[in-house]
Amino acid sequence: MIAYAADKPAIQILSASPPNSESNSLEKLLLDKVQSLTTIISQIGSEIQNRKNLSTQISYTIDQQYLYLKSYFLTFDQWELGRNKSIEMRRTRLEQQLQQLHQEKRMEQTQCWKDIAQLNKECRTWFKQYRDLMQRVKIVAPGLNPK
C-alpha cells in the first residue's frame, strides 16, 4: 500500500502561517479540504487492516474446524475399507465436510483479496484528489509550499 502520510506536513504548514483576512478564508477552506481528504484516506487504510484481520480470524476458525474433523477422520483408519457400511458413510461425510471447509477457506481468501483491491482502488482515487489539492495549494499560496 502507498504511504499517504508523506504530504501530511502541508496541514501543519497551512495551519501554522498567519495569512491576511482575504486569503484566510481560502486557506481555511483548503485546510479543511486537506484534512477531510487525509481523514478519508486514513479511514480506508483502517478498513483495509480491519478486513485483513477479519480474514485472518475467519481462516483461523476454518482451520480449527478442519483440524478437528481431520483428527476425527483419522480415527477411521483402523477400519478396513468396505467392511462396515455405516463407517464408510461416516468417512464419506467427513471427507465431504473437509472438502467444504477447504473450499470455504479459498472463497474467503478470494473475497478478502477482492475487498482489499476495491478499497485500494478507492484509496488511489482519494489520494489523486489529495495530490491535486496539494498542487492547487502550491499555486494559490506559494509561500505555503510543502516540501
Protein backbone atom coordinates (compact mmCIF):
# COMPACT_ATOMS: atom_id res chain seq x y z
CA MET A 1 0.00 0.00 0.00
CA ILE A 2 1.17 3.54 -0.73
CA ALA A 3 2.33 5.65 2.21
CA TYR A 4 -0.13 8.55 2.13
CA ALA A 5 1.15 10.45 5.14
CA ALA A 6 4.17 11.78 3.22
CA ASP A 7 2.39 15.08 2.40
CA LYS A 8 0.95 15.47 5.90
CA PRO A 9 3.27 18.35 6.87
CA ALA A 10 1.25 20.52 4.46
CA ILE A 11 -1.53 20.59 7.04
CA GLN A 12 0.88 21.83 9.66
CA ILE A 13 2.34 24.43 7.31
CA LEU A 14 -1.10 25.71 6.31
CA SER A 15 -2.31 25.94 9.89
CA ALA A 16 0.92 27.49 11.21
CA SER A 17 1.01 30.56 8.98
CA PRO A 18 -0.89 33.76 9.88
CA PRO A 19 -2.41 34.77 6.49
CA ASN A 20 -4.24 38.03 5.78
CA SER A 21 -8.02 38.11 6.15
CA GLU A 22 -8.84 37.78 2.42
CA SER A 23 -6.70 34.72 1.85
CA ASN A 24 -7.54 33.43 5.33
CA SER A 25 -10.91 32.05 4.22
CA LEU A 26 -9.39 30.44 1.11
CA GLU A 27 -6.58 28.89 3.11
CA LYS A 28 -9.07 27.71 5.75
CA LEU A 29 -11.16 26.13 3.01
CA LEU A 30 -8.07 24.43 1.57
CA LEU A 31 -7.00 23.30 5.03
CA ASP A 32 -10.44 21.83 5.71
CA LYS A 33 -10.37 20.00 2.38
CA VAL A 34 -6.86 18.66 3.03
CA GLN A 35 -7.90 17.48 6.49
CA SER A 36 -11.02 15.76 5.19
CA LEU A 37 -9.07 14.00 2.44
CA THR A 38 -6.40 12.80 4.86
CA THR A 39 -9.14 11.55 7.18
CA ILE A 40 -10.81 9.64 4.34
CA ILE A 41 -7.52 8.10 3.24
CA SER A 42 -6.69 7.15 6.81
CA GLN A 43 -10.12 5.55 7.28
CA ILE A 44 -9.69 3.50 4.13
CA GLY A 45 -6.31 2.31 5.43
CA SER A 46 -8.03 1.28 8.66
CA GLU A 47 -10.74 -0.55 6.72
CA ILE A 48 -8.08 -2.45 4.78
CA GLN A 49 -6.39 -3.50 8.01
CA ASN A 50 -9.73 -4.47 9.57
CA ARG A 51 -10.57 -6.62 6.53
CA LYS A 52 -7.20 -8.36 6.77
CA ASN A 53 -7.78 -9.01 10.48
CA LEU A 54 -11.27 -10.36 9.82
CA SER A 55 -9.96 -12.66 7.11
CA THR A 56 -7.26 -13.94 9.46
CA GLN A 57 -9.86 -14.70 12.13
CA ILE A 58 -12.17 -16.46 9.67
CA SER A 59 -9.28 -18.51 8.26
CA TYR A 60 -8.20 -19.45 11.77
CA THR A 61 -11.73 -20.65 12.63
CA ILE A 62 -11.92 -22.66 9.41
CA ASP A 63 -8.50 -24.18 10.12
CA GLN A 64 -9.59 -25.17 13.63
CA GLN A 65 -12.72 -26.85 12.30
CA TYR A 66 -10.69 -28.56 9.60
CA LEU A 67 -8.15 -29.91 12.10
CA TYR A 68 -10.90 -31.20 14.38
CA LEU A 69 -12.65 -33.01 11.55
CA LYS A 70 -9.37 -34.30 10.15
CA SER A 71 -8.38 -35.78 13.51
CA TYR A 72 -11.80 -37.41 13.77
CA PHE A 73 -11.45 -38.68 10.20
CA LEU A 74 -8.10 -40.28 11.04
CA THR A 75 -9.76 -42.39 13.73
CA PHE A 76 -11.43 -44.31 10.89
CA ASP A 77 -8.06 -45.51 9.59
CA GLN A 78 -8.26 -48.50 11.89
CA TRP A 79 -11.29 -49.75 10.00
CA GLU A 80 -10.65 -51.54 6.73
CA LEU A 81 -12.33 -50.15 3.65
CA GLY A 82 -15.56 -51.89 2.66
CA ARG A 83 -16.01 -53.77 5.95
CA ASN A 84 -18.73 -51.70 7.56
CA LYS A 85 -21.21 -49.68 5.52
CA SER A 86 -22.08 -47.19 8.32
CA ILE A 87 -18.36 -46.47 8.89
CA GLU A 88 -17.92 -45.88 5.16
CA MET A 89 -20.86 -43.45 5.13
CA ARG A 90 -19.38 -41.51 8.07
CA ARG A 91 -15.98 -41.44 6.39
CA THR A 92 -17.56 -40.16 3.17
CA ARG A 93 -19.47 -37.42 5.03
CA LEU A 94 -16.29 -36.34 6.82
CA GLU A 95 -14.42 -36.19 3.53
CA GLN A 96 -17.19 -34.00 2.11
CA GLN A 97 -17.11 -31.71 5.15
CA LEU A 98 -13.32 -31.41 4.90
CA GLN A 99 -13.63 -30.53 1.22
CA GLN A 100 -16.32 -27.91 2.01
CA LEU A 101 -14.11 -26.29 4.64
CA HIS A 102 -11.22 -26.18 2.19
CA GLN A 103 -13.47 -24.57 -0.41
CA GLU A 104 -14.82 -22.10 2.16
CA LYS A 105 -11.28 -21.03 3.03
CA ARG A 106 -10.43 -20.47 -0.64
CA MET A 107 -13.60 -18.43 -1.08
CA GLU A 108 -12.73 -16.30 1.97
CA GLN A 109 -9.23 -15.64 0.66
CA THR A 110 -10.61 -14.66 -2.74
CA GLN A 111 -13.27 -12.38 -1.24
CA CYS A 112 -10.70 -10.75 1.03
CA TRP A 113 -8.46 -10.05 -1.97
CA LYS A 114 -11.40 -8.55 -3.90
CA ASP A 115 -12.43 -6.38 -0.95
CA ILE A 116 -8.90 -5.09 -0.40
CA ALA A 117 -8.42 -4.46 -4.12
CA GLN A 118 -11.62 -2.38 -4.15
CA LEU A 119 -10.51 -0.42 -1.08
CA ASN A 120 -7.09 0.20 -2.64
CA LYS A 121 -8.77 1.45 -5.82
CA GLU A 122 -10.93 3.81 -3.77
CA CYS A 123 -7.87 4.95 -1.82
CA ARG A 124 -5.99 5.73 -5.04
CA THR A 125 -8.94 7.84 -6.21
CA TRP A 126 -8.99 9.86 -2.99
CA PHE A 127 -5.20 10.16 -2.98
CA LYS A 128 -5.29 11.58 -6.51
CA GLN A 129 -7.74 14.23 -5.29
CA TYR A 130 -5.41 14.89 -2.37
CA ARG A 131 -2.41 15.36 -4.67
CA ASP A 132 -4.43 17.62 -6.98
CA LEU A 133 -5.46 19.70 -3.99
CA MET A 134 -1.85 19.95 -2.81
CA GLN A 135 -0.87 21.23 -6.26
CA ARG A 136 -3.62 23.86 -6.01
CA VAL A 137 -2.33 24.85 -2.59
CA LYS A 138 1.12 25.39 -4.10
CA ILE A 139 -0.37 27.61 -6.82
CA VAL A 140 -2.75 29.59 -4.62
CA ALA A 141 -0.42 30.02 -1.65
CA PRO A 142 3.16 29.63 -2.94
CA GLY A 143 4.60 30.67 0.44
CA LEU A 144 2.98 27.62 2.00
CA ASN A 145 4.55 25.03 -0.29
CA PRO A 146 5.10 21.74 1.47
CA LYS A 147 8.50 20.18 0.96
